[in-house]
N, C-alpha and C. Protein backbone atom coordinates (compact mmCIF):
# COMPACT_ATOMS: atom_id res chain seq x y z
N UNK A 1 -2.07 -13.32 -30.23
CA UNK A 1 -0.78 -14.36 -30.11
C UNK A 1 -1.31 -15.61 -29.51
N UNK A 2 -0.91 -16.62 -30.12
CA UNK A 2 -1.12 -18.04 -29.84
C UNK A 2 -0.40 -18.64 -28.72
N UNK A 3 -0.89 -18.86 -27.60
CA UNK A 3 0.10 -19.46 -26.48
C UNK A 3 0.38 -20.80 -26.78
N UNK A 4 1.45 -21.36 -26.53
CA UNK A 4 1.79 -23.02 -26.48
C UNK A 4 1.22 -23.18 -25.14
N UNK A 5 0.57 -24.59 -25.56
CA UNK A 5 0.10 -25.33 -24.20
C UNK A 5 1.04 -26.05 -23.56
N UNK A 6 2.05 -26.51 -24.07
CA UNK A 6 3.08 -27.17 -23.30
C UNK A 6 4.58 -26.25 -23.47
N UNK A 7 4.85 -26.19 -22.27
CA UNK A 7 6.16 -25.23 -22.21
C UNK A 7 7.39 -26.00 -21.62
N UNK A 8 8.59 -25.74 -22.14
CA UNK A 8 9.96 -26.52 -21.80
C UNK A 8 10.30 -26.09 -20.48
N UNK A 9 10.52 -27.04 -19.54
CA UNK A 9 11.10 -26.71 -18.33
C UNK A 9 12.54 -27.04 -17.98
N UNK A 10 12.87 -28.02 -18.86
CA UNK A 10 14.21 -28.50 -18.57
C UNK A 10 14.56 -29.64 -19.47
N UNK A 11 15.67 -30.25 -19.28
CA UNK A 11 16.28 -31.39 -19.74
C UNK A 11 17.01 -32.30 -18.89
N UNK A 12 16.81 -33.78 -19.51
CA UNK A 12 17.57 -34.57 -18.66
C UNK A 12 18.70 -34.61 -19.10
N UNK A 13 19.72 -34.28 -18.18
CA UNK A 13 21.39 -34.33 -18.68
C UNK A 13 21.96 -35.38 -18.24
N UNK A 14 21.76 -36.28 -17.44
CA UNK A 14 22.37 -37.43 -16.75
C UNK A 14 21.46 -38.39 -15.92
N UNK A 15 22.15 -39.44 -15.65
CA UNK A 15 21.44 -40.56 -14.59
C UNK A 15 21.94 -40.07 -13.34
N UNK A 16 21.25 -40.52 -12.22
CA UNK A 16 21.71 -40.35 -10.62
C UNK A 16 21.38 -41.67 -10.18
N UNK A 17 22.58 -42.08 -9.68
CA UNK A 17 22.50 -43.30 -8.98
C UNK A 17 22.23 -44.66 -9.82
N UNK A 18 21.97 -45.65 -9.46
CA UNK A 18 21.47 -46.94 -9.98
C UNK A 18 20.27 -47.49 -10.18
N UNK A 19 19.16 -46.73 -9.45
CA UNK A 19 17.83 -47.18 -9.48
C UNK A 19 16.94 -46.25 -10.47
N UNK A 20 17.44 -45.70 -11.49
CA UNK A 20 16.69 -44.96 -12.60
C UNK A 20 16.22 -43.55 -12.29
N UNK A 21 17.11 -43.04 -11.23
CA UNK A 21 16.82 -41.33 -11.06
C UNK A 21 17.50 -40.73 -12.04
N UNK A 22 17.08 -39.54 -12.45
CA UNK A 22 17.65 -38.55 -13.44
C UNK A 22 18.02 -37.21 -13.01
N UNK A 23 18.89 -36.69 -13.64
CA UNK A 23 19.39 -35.18 -13.09
C UNK A 23 18.75 -34.40 -14.42
N UNK A 24 18.30 -33.27 -13.93
CA UNK A 24 17.43 -32.50 -14.77
C UNK A 24 18.08 -31.13 -14.71
N UNK A 25 18.51 -30.53 -15.85
CA UNK A 25 18.67 -28.80 -15.85
C UNK A 25 17.48 -28.17 -15.94
N UNK A 26 17.43 -27.49 -15.15
CA UNK A 26 15.94 -26.66 -15.28
C UNK A 26 16.33 -25.41 -16.19
N UNK A 27 15.29 -25.27 -17.14
CA UNK A 27 15.33 -24.02 -17.92
C UNK A 27 14.39 -23.27 -17.69
N UNK A 28 13.77 -23.19 -16.31
CA UNK A 28 12.96 -22.35 -15.83
C UNK A 28 13.13 -21.55 -14.43
N UNK A 29 12.58 -21.06 -13.82
CA UNK A 29 12.73 -20.42 -12.59
C UNK A 29 13.86 -21.28 -11.78
N UNK A 30 14.06 -22.48 -11.63
CA UNK A 30 15.05 -23.28 -10.99
C UNK A 30 14.35 -24.68 -10.62
N UNK A 31 15.10 -25.57 -10.19
CA UNK A 31 14.99 -26.97 -9.97
C UNK A 31 13.70 -27.12 -8.91
N UNK A 32 13.53 -26.03 -7.87
CA UNK A 32 12.38 -26.18 -7.04
C UNK A 32 11.14 -26.36 -8.09
N UNK A 33 11.00 -25.32 -8.87
CA UNK A 33 9.82 -25.31 -9.82
C UNK A 33 9.34 -26.84 -10.29
N UNK A 34 10.32 -27.38 -10.98
CA UNK A 34 10.44 -28.80 -11.52
C UNK A 34 9.64 -29.66 -10.52
N UNK A 35 10.24 -29.59 -9.46
CA UNK A 35 9.83 -30.55 -8.37
C UNK A 35 8.59 -30.25 -7.59
N UNK A 36 7.69 -29.19 -8.35
CA UNK A 36 6.33 -29.10 -7.84
C UNK A 36 5.36 -30.08 -8.77
N UNK A 37 5.79 -30.74 -9.64
CA UNK A 37 4.93 -31.50 -10.47
C UNK A 37 4.94 -32.83 -10.26
N UNK A 38 3.61 -33.46 -10.38
CA UNK A 38 3.75 -34.84 -10.44
C UNK A 38 3.83 -35.41 -11.82
N UNK A 39 3.43 -34.74 -12.69
CA UNK A 39 3.29 -35.06 -14.26
C UNK A 39 4.18 -34.12 -14.83
N UNK A 40 5.05 -34.67 -15.89
CA UNK A 40 5.43 -33.69 -16.94
C UNK A 40 5.27 -34.44 -18.32
N UNK A 41 5.78 -33.62 -19.41
CA UNK A 41 5.27 -33.99 -20.58
C UNK A 41 6.67 -34.24 -21.53
N UNK A 42 6.37 -35.21 -22.55
CA UNK A 42 7.35 -35.45 -23.55
C UNK A 42 6.89 -34.44 -24.86
N UNK A 43 7.82 -34.32 -25.72
CA UNK A 43 7.59 -33.28 -27.03
C UNK A 43 6.27 -34.10 -27.58
N UNK A 44 6.05 -35.30 -27.52
CA UNK A 44 5.12 -35.92 -28.42
C UNK A 44 3.81 -35.88 -27.60
N UNK A 45 3.89 -35.33 -26.25
CA UNK A 45 2.49 -35.40 -25.58
C UNK A 45 2.29 -36.35 -24.62
N UNK A 46 3.29 -37.46 -24.72
CA UNK A 46 3.11 -38.73 -23.81
C UNK A 46 3.60 -38.07 -22.10
N UNK A 47 2.73 -38.41 -21.22
CA UNK A 47 2.75 -38.14 -19.81
C UNK A 47 3.80 -38.98 -19.08
N UNK A 48 4.70 -38.20 -18.32
CA UNK A 48 5.35 -39.22 -17.53
C UNK A 48 5.29 -38.79 -15.88
N UNK A 49 5.15 -39.78 -15.14
CA UNK A 49 4.54 -39.73 -13.86
C UNK A 49 5.79 -39.61 -12.99
N UNK A 50 5.78 -38.38 -12.00
CA UNK A 50 7.12 -38.20 -11.21
C UNK A 50 6.65 -38.92 -10.01
N UNK A 51 7.40 -39.90 -9.44
CA UNK A 51 7.22 -40.54 -8.13
C UNK A 51 8.06 -39.95 -7.06
N UNK A 52 9.29 -39.37 -7.31
CA UNK A 52 9.93 -38.67 -6.47
C UNK A 52 10.65 -37.49 -7.07
N UNK A 53 10.77 -36.55 -6.14
CA UNK A 53 11.79 -35.43 -6.72
C UNK A 53 12.41 -34.73 -5.86
N UNK A 54 13.59 -34.32 -6.00
CA UNK A 54 14.16 -33.04 -5.00
C UNK A 54 15.25 -32.42 -5.55
N UNK A 55 15.67 -31.48 -5.16
CA UNK A 55 16.71 -30.42 -5.51
C UNK A 55 17.91 -30.89 -5.00
N UNK A 56 18.94 -30.89 -5.94
CA UNK A 56 20.40 -30.93 -5.59
C UNK A 56 21.02 -30.00 -6.18
N UNK A 57 21.86 -29.21 -5.31
CA UNK A 57 22.52 -28.00 -5.93
C UNK A 57 21.47 -27.08 -7.10
N UNK A 58 22.03 -27.17 -8.22
CA UNK A 58 21.33 -26.45 -9.22
C UNK A 58 20.33 -27.06 -10.13
N UNK A 59 20.24 -28.58 -9.77
CA UNK A 59 19.37 -29.33 -10.59
C UNK A 59 18.43 -30.14 -10.00
N UNK A 60 17.34 -30.63 -10.65
CA UNK A 60 16.13 -31.57 -9.84
C UNK A 60 16.66 -32.99 -10.26
N UNK A 61 16.28 -33.60 -9.13
CA UNK A 61 16.64 -34.98 -9.28
C UNK A 61 15.17 -35.62 -9.27
N UNK A 62 14.96 -36.35 -10.53
CA UNK A 62 13.44 -37.22 -10.56
C UNK A 62 13.55 -38.47 -10.69
N UNK A 63 12.49 -39.19 -10.26
CA UNK A 63 12.25 -40.45 -10.45
C UNK A 63 11.22 -40.73 -11.11
N UNK A 64 11.17 -41.66 -12.31
CA UNK A 64 9.96 -41.40 -13.04
C UNK A 64 9.31 -42.95 -13.07
N UNK A 65 7.97 -43.00 -12.90
CA UNK A 65 7.32 -44.34 -12.93
C UNK A 65 7.75 -45.13 -14.47
N UNK A 66 8.12 -46.41 -14.16
CA UNK A 66 8.70 -47.14 -15.14
C UNK A 66 10.09 -47.10 -15.43
N UNK A 67 10.93 -46.46 -14.85
CA UNK A 67 12.33 -46.10 -14.91
C UNK A 67 12.82 -46.80 -13.94
N UNK A 68 13.33 -47.74 -13.67
CA UNK A 68 13.83 -48.35 -12.55
C UNK A 68 15.23 -48.77 -12.60
N UNK A 69 16.14 -48.56 -13.60
CA UNK A 69 17.56 -49.10 -13.74
C UNK A 69 18.57 -47.77 -14.45
N UNK A 70 19.60 -47.93 -13.94
CA UNK A 70 20.49 -46.71 -14.72
C UNK A 70 20.19 -46.93 -16.24
N UNK A 71 20.39 -48.18 -16.67
CA UNK A 71 19.95 -48.36 -18.08
C UNK A 71 18.88 -47.67 -18.69
N UNK A 72 17.95 -47.96 -18.06
CA UNK A 72 16.81 -47.31 -18.68
C UNK A 72 16.80 -45.68 -18.55
N UNK A 73 17.35 -45.34 -17.51
CA UNK A 73 17.23 -43.71 -17.11
C UNK A 73 18.22 -43.18 -18.23
N UNK A 74 19.33 -43.82 -18.66
CA UNK A 74 20.36 -43.31 -19.42
C UNK A 74 19.76 -43.19 -21.14
N UNK A 75 18.49 -44.03 -21.28
CA UNK A 75 17.93 -43.93 -22.66
C UNK A 75 17.15 -42.39 -22.64
N UNK A 76 16.83 -41.93 -21.43
CA UNK A 76 16.03 -40.58 -21.52
C UNK A 76 17.17 -39.47 -21.41
N UNK A 77 18.28 -39.46 -21.61
CA UNK A 77 19.23 -38.78 -21.50
C UNK A 77 19.13 -37.68 -22.67
N UNK A 78 19.14 -36.38 -22.55
CA UNK A 78 18.68 -35.18 -23.54
C UNK A 78 17.48 -35.36 -23.75
N UNK A 79 16.47 -35.79 -22.91
CA UNK A 79 14.99 -35.60 -23.19
C UNK A 79 14.67 -34.25 -22.70
N UNK A 80 13.83 -33.64 -23.48
CA UNK A 80 13.40 -32.30 -22.98
C UNK A 80 12.10 -32.53 -22.40
N UNK A 81 12.04 -31.85 -21.15
CA UNK A 81 10.63 -32.04 -20.57
C UNK A 81 9.88 -30.79 -20.57
N UNK A 82 8.51 -30.97 -20.51
CA UNK A 82 7.44 -29.95 -20.88
C UNK A 82 6.38 -30.09 -19.51
N UNK A 83 5.88 -28.79 -19.25
CA UNK A 83 4.91 -28.73 -18.46
C UNK A 83 3.26 -28.30 -19.17
N UNK A 84 2.32 -28.78 -18.75
CA UNK A 84 1.05 -28.06 -19.41
C UNK A 84 0.71 -26.46 -18.66
N UNK A 85 0.89 -25.53 -19.40
CA UNK A 85 0.43 -24.25 -18.84
C UNK A 85 -0.91 -24.20 -17.87
N UNK A 86 -1.64 -25.12 -18.42
CA UNK A 86 -2.85 -25.23 -17.27
C UNK A 86 -2.51 -25.68 -15.91
N UNK A 87 -1.31 -26.15 -15.76
CA UNK A 87 -1.15 -26.93 -14.45
C UNK A 87 -0.39 -25.88 -13.61
N UNK A 88 -0.49 -24.61 -13.94
CA UNK A 88 0.45 -23.41 -13.25
C UNK A 88 -0.26 -22.03 -13.30
N UNK A 89 -0.24 -21.78 -12.16
CA UNK A 89 -1.02 -20.49 -11.85
C UNK A 89 -0.09 -19.29 -11.58
N UNK A 90 0.35 -18.26 -12.58
CA UNK A 90 1.15 -17.38 -12.35
C UNK A 90 0.68 -16.36 -11.64
N UNK A 91 1.18 -15.28 -10.98
CA UNK A 91 0.98 -13.96 -10.48
C UNK A 91 0.68 -13.10 -11.70
N UNK A 92 0.15 -11.78 -11.53
CA UNK A 92 -0.32 -11.16 -12.53
C UNK A 92 0.88 -10.60 -13.34
N UNK A 93 1.84 -10.23 -12.43
CA UNK A 93 3.15 -9.62 -13.15
C UNK A 93 4.20 -10.77 -13.49
N UNK A 94 3.94 -12.07 -13.79
CA UNK A 94 4.88 -13.15 -13.84
C UNK A 94 4.31 -13.62 -15.36
N UNK A 95 5.31 -13.88 -16.22
CA UNK A 95 5.06 -14.35 -17.46
C UNK A 95 6.14 -15.71 -18.05
N UNK A 96 5.66 -16.62 -18.77
CA UNK A 96 6.29 -17.40 -19.28
C UNK A 96 7.36 -16.68 -20.22
N UNK A 97 8.65 -17.23 -20.05
CA UNK A 97 9.60 -16.75 -21.32
C UNK A 97 9.07 -16.99 -22.63
N UNK A 98 8.50 -18.09 -23.01
CA UNK A 98 7.89 -18.39 -24.20
C UNK A 98 6.92 -17.72 -24.68
N UNK A 99 5.93 -17.01 -23.77
CA UNK A 99 5.22 -16.07 -24.18
C UNK A 99 5.84 -14.52 -24.48
N UNK A 100 6.90 -14.18 -23.81
CA UNK A 100 7.59 -13.06 -24.00
C UNK A 100 8.26 -12.73 -25.16
N UNK A 101 8.94 -14.05 -25.61
CA UNK A 101 9.63 -13.91 -26.90
C UNK A 101 8.74 -13.80 -28.07
N UNK A 102 9.05 -12.61 -29.00
CA UNK A 102 8.09 -12.34 -30.09
C UNK A 102 7.16 -11.20 -29.88
N UNK A 103 7.21 -10.77 -29.00
CA UNK A 103 6.40 -9.54 -28.29
C UNK A 103 7.13 -8.30 -29.08
N UNK A 104 6.17 -7.51 -29.56
CA UNK A 104 6.68 -6.18 -30.04
C UNK A 104 6.81 -5.22 -28.82
N UNK A 105 7.81 -4.72 -28.69
CA UNK A 105 8.44 -3.59 -27.56
C UNK A 105 7.85 -2.35 -28.39
N UNK A 106 7.08 -1.23 -27.55
CA UNK A 106 6.58 -0.26 -27.97
C UNK A 106 6.67 0.81 -27.13
N UNK A 107 7.16 1.87 -27.43
CA UNK A 107 7.18 3.41 -26.49
C UNK A 107 5.82 3.71 -26.22
N UNK A 108 5.62 3.57 -24.63
CA UNK A 108 4.36 3.85 -24.20
C UNK A 108 4.12 5.27 -24.55
N UNK A 109 5.03 6.38 -24.73
CA UNK A 109 4.74 7.66 -24.81
C UNK A 109 4.49 8.13 -26.38
N UNK A 110 5.52 7.55 -27.21
CA UNK A 110 5.50 8.06 -28.54
C UNK A 110 4.93 6.92 -29.61
N UNK A 111 4.68 5.94 -28.91
CA UNK A 111 4.14 4.62 -29.67
C UNK A 111 5.18 4.24 -30.89
N UNK A 112 6.32 4.65 -30.98
CA UNK A 112 7.44 3.93 -31.62
C UNK A 112 7.57 2.34 -31.16
N UNK A 113 7.69 1.71 -32.42
CA UNK A 113 8.01 0.42 -32.20
C UNK A 113 9.37 0.03 -32.15
N UNK A 114 10.20 -0.56 -31.32
CA UNK A 114 11.68 -0.75 -31.24
C UNK A 114 11.90 -1.92 -31.84
N UNK A 115 11.18 -2.77 -31.82
CA UNK A 115 11.59 -4.28 -32.48
C UNK A 115 10.86 -5.20 -31.55
N UNK A 116 11.35 -6.64 -31.48
CA UNK A 116 10.48 -7.92 -30.98
C UNK A 116 11.69 -8.17 -29.93
N UNK A 117 11.10 -8.83 -28.82
CA UNK A 117 11.99 -9.60 -27.95
C UNK A 117 12.35 -10.94 -28.61
N UNK A 118 13.72 -11.14 -28.56
CA UNK A 118 14.21 -12.15 -29.27
C UNK A 118 14.91 -13.19 -28.16
N UNK A 119 15.19 -12.48 -26.91
CA UNK A 119 15.72 -13.48 -26.00
C UNK A 119 15.44 -12.70 -24.62
N UNK A 120 15.17 -13.59 -23.51
CA UNK A 120 15.00 -13.43 -22.03
C UNK A 120 16.44 -13.79 -21.43
N UNK A 121 17.06 -12.50 -20.82
CA UNK A 121 18.39 -12.75 -20.16
C UNK A 121 18.32 -12.90 -18.69
N UNK A 122 18.91 -13.62 -18.29
CA UNK A 122 18.77 -13.92 -16.43
C UNK A 122 19.98 -13.14 -15.89
N UNK A 123 19.94 -12.18 -15.22
CA UNK A 123 21.20 -11.29 -14.80
C UNK A 123 21.33 -11.69 -13.18
N UNK A 124 20.34 -11.91 -12.77
CA UNK A 124 20.35 -12.18 -11.02
C UNK A 124 19.32 -11.06 -10.57
N UNK A 125 19.67 -9.52 -10.58
CA UNK A 125 19.08 -8.57 -10.16
C UNK A 125 17.75 -8.49 -10.79
N UNK A 126 17.63 -8.58 -11.93
CA UNK A 126 16.41 -8.62 -12.65
C UNK A 126 16.80 -9.27 -14.14
N UNK A 127 15.57 -9.65 -15.07
CA UNK A 127 15.89 -10.09 -16.25
C UNK A 127 16.14 -8.52 -17.02
N UNK A 128 16.76 -9.24 -18.43
CA UNK A 128 16.82 -8.14 -19.38
C UNK A 128 16.36 -8.75 -20.84
N UNK A 129 15.35 -8.10 -21.42
CA UNK A 129 14.86 -8.48 -22.80
C UNK A 129 16.01 -7.91 -23.70
N UNK A 130 16.25 -9.05 -24.66
CA UNK A 130 17.01 -8.62 -25.82
C UNK A 130 16.00 -8.37 -26.95
N UNK A 131 16.08 -7.06 -27.42
CA UNK A 131 14.99 -6.51 -28.46
C UNK A 131 16.01 -6.52 -29.88
N UNK A 132 15.33 -7.08 -30.66
CA UNK A 132 15.92 -6.98 -31.95
C UNK A 132 15.01 -6.17 -32.94
N UNK A 133 15.60 -5.05 -33.33
CA UNK A 133 14.98 -4.22 -34.64
C UNK A 133 14.95 -4.72 -35.84
N UNK A 134 14.13 -4.38 -36.73
CA UNK A 134 13.89 -4.74 -37.99
C UNK A 134 15.27 -4.70 -38.68
N UNK A 135 16.34 -4.00 -38.59
CA UNK A 135 17.29 -3.76 -39.27
C UNK A 135 18.33 -4.82 -38.59
N UNK A 136 17.96 -5.50 -37.52
CA UNK A 136 18.94 -6.71 -36.84
C UNK A 136 19.64 -6.22 -36.04
N UNK A 137 19.35 -4.97 -35.41
CA UNK A 137 20.24 -4.50 -34.36
C UNK A 137 19.68 -4.92 -32.98
N UNK A 138 20.37 -5.41 -32.05
CA UNK A 138 20.20 -5.59 -30.55
C UNK A 138 20.12 -4.60 -29.68
N UNK A 139 18.96 -4.62 -28.79
CA UNK A 139 19.29 -3.48 -27.89
C UNK A 139 18.68 -4.32 -26.35
N UNK A 140 19.36 -3.94 -25.51
CA UNK A 140 19.10 -4.55 -24.15
C UNK A 140 18.09 -3.74 -23.21
N UNK A 141 16.94 -4.13 -23.12
CA UNK A 141 16.11 -3.42 -22.16
C UNK A 141 15.79 -4.19 -20.64
N UNK A 142 16.24 -3.35 -19.56
CA UNK A 142 15.98 -3.74 -18.21
C UNK A 142 14.74 -4.33 -17.86
N UNK A 143 14.20 -5.24 -17.37
CA UNK A 143 12.94 -5.59 -17.04
C UNK A 143 12.72 -4.91 -15.40
N UNK A 144 12.47 -3.75 -15.26
CA UNK A 144 12.30 -3.09 -13.98
C UNK A 144 11.02 -2.29 -14.11
N UNK A 145 10.61 -2.15 -13.09
CA UNK A 145 9.12 -1.33 -13.21
C UNK A 145 9.17 0.23 -13.89
N UNK A 146 10.37 1.05 -13.74
CA UNK A 146 10.67 1.91 -14.24
C UNK A 146 10.59 1.89 -15.89
N UNK A 147 11.05 0.86 -16.39
CA UNK A 147 11.04 0.70 -17.72
C UNK A 147 9.81 -0.21 -18.55
N UNK A 148 9.61 -1.39 -17.81
CA UNK A 148 8.35 -1.97 -18.63
C UNK A 148 7.19 -1.60 -18.10
N UNK A 149 6.38 -0.98 -18.43
CA UNK A 149 5.12 -0.23 -18.08
C UNK A 149 3.96 -1.49 -18.05
N UNK A 150 3.77 -1.86 -19.34
CA UNK A 150 2.62 -2.79 -19.44
C UNK A 150 2.96 -3.99 -20.33
N UNK A 151 2.47 -5.07 -19.84
CA UNK A 151 2.89 -6.44 -20.63
C UNK A 151 1.55 -7.12 -21.21
N UNK A 152 1.17 -6.83 -22.32
CA UNK A 152 -0.07 -7.84 -22.89
C UNK A 152 0.47 -8.86 -23.61
N UNK A 153 0.48 -10.08 -23.17
CA UNK A 153 0.76 -11.07 -23.71
C UNK A 153 -0.37 -11.43 -24.85
N UNK A 154 -1.55 -11.18 -24.61
CA UNK A 154 -2.63 -11.65 -25.70
C UNK A 154 -2.56 -10.70 -26.68
N UNK A 155 -2.28 -9.69 -26.63
CA UNK A 155 -2.07 -8.76 -28.04
C UNK A 155 -0.70 -8.85 -28.29
N UNK A 156 0.40 -9.24 -27.56
CA UNK A 156 1.80 -9.56 -28.14
C UNK A 156 2.67 -8.43 -27.82
N UNK A 157 2.23 -7.34 -26.85
CA UNK A 157 2.86 -6.04 -27.23
C UNK A 157 3.29 -5.73 -25.47
N UNK A 158 4.58 -5.22 -25.33
CA UNK A 158 5.27 -4.74 -24.09
C UNK A 158 5.61 -3.21 -24.51
N UNK A 159 4.82 -2.55 -23.52
CA UNK A 159 4.98 -1.08 -23.47
C UNK A 159 5.96 -0.61 -22.41
N UNK A 160 6.85 0.18 -22.90
CA UNK A 160 8.12 0.48 -22.16
C UNK A 160 8.40 2.20 -22.13
N UNK A 161 8.91 2.51 -21.30
CA UNK A 161 9.34 4.22 -21.24
C UNK A 161 10.91 3.69 -21.09
N UNK A 162 11.59 3.84 -22.26
CA UNK A 162 13.00 3.37 -22.23
C UNK A 162 13.92 4.42 -21.36
N UNK A 163 14.96 3.88 -20.61
CA UNK A 163 16.03 4.64 -20.29
C UNK A 163 16.76 5.37 -21.15
N UNK A 164 17.29 6.56 -20.93
CA UNK A 164 18.14 7.33 -21.90
C UNK A 164 19.41 6.74 -22.35
N UNK A 165 19.47 6.26 -23.36
CA UNK A 165 20.51 5.87 -24.20
C UNK A 165 20.56 4.32 -24.54
N UNK A 166 19.42 3.58 -24.28
CA UNK A 166 19.21 2.49 -24.63
C UNK A 166 18.90 2.09 -26.35
N UNK A 167 18.26 3.02 -26.73
CA UNK A 167 18.03 3.00 -28.23
C UNK A 167 18.52 4.16 -29.07
N UNK A 168 19.21 4.91 -28.05
CA UNK A 168 19.80 6.24 -29.06
C UNK A 168 21.34 6.17 -28.62
N UNK A 169 21.88 7.10 -29.23
CA UNK A 169 23.45 7.13 -28.84
C UNK A 169 23.85 8.30 -27.97
N UNK A 170 22.79 8.77 -27.26
CA UNK A 170 23.23 9.83 -26.43
C UNK A 170 23.95 9.64 -25.34
N UNK A 171 24.80 10.46 -24.57
CA UNK A 171 25.68 10.17 -23.61
C UNK A 171 24.68 10.42 -22.30
């Protein structure tokens, strides 16, 4: 499975103040994650240098080199921001959502393939994988240690031991 080099982390949703600061809606673990970076990337690969960043409620406020007025900042509205995956070191059991999407979900005991992960839902307590079977039916798999046994991003396979009732109609 080919990993994307640049990963979406958020979108500029509005300006902030008069001096070119911008509000970024995080599409990642949170605004604190975005504030860790000195450089972010645009879709075309251009680098934007972050001169100042901070968290305000549930968004990141960023100041970008070369953007000094509200008018300049307004032209950046709706811009999606990216990070270079090489700029982040993840723990062994932490993965980028983009790497999880498309992985096959397989029963570790029976080797039955249930489908592919089509969405990762953030529920608060734990993530939930939406798994879509070949027939288009969706299933929800909680991302907890008792269920998700092994995740191999390189081969694109997630091995699970499903809880009773996830993939069948038993009571």
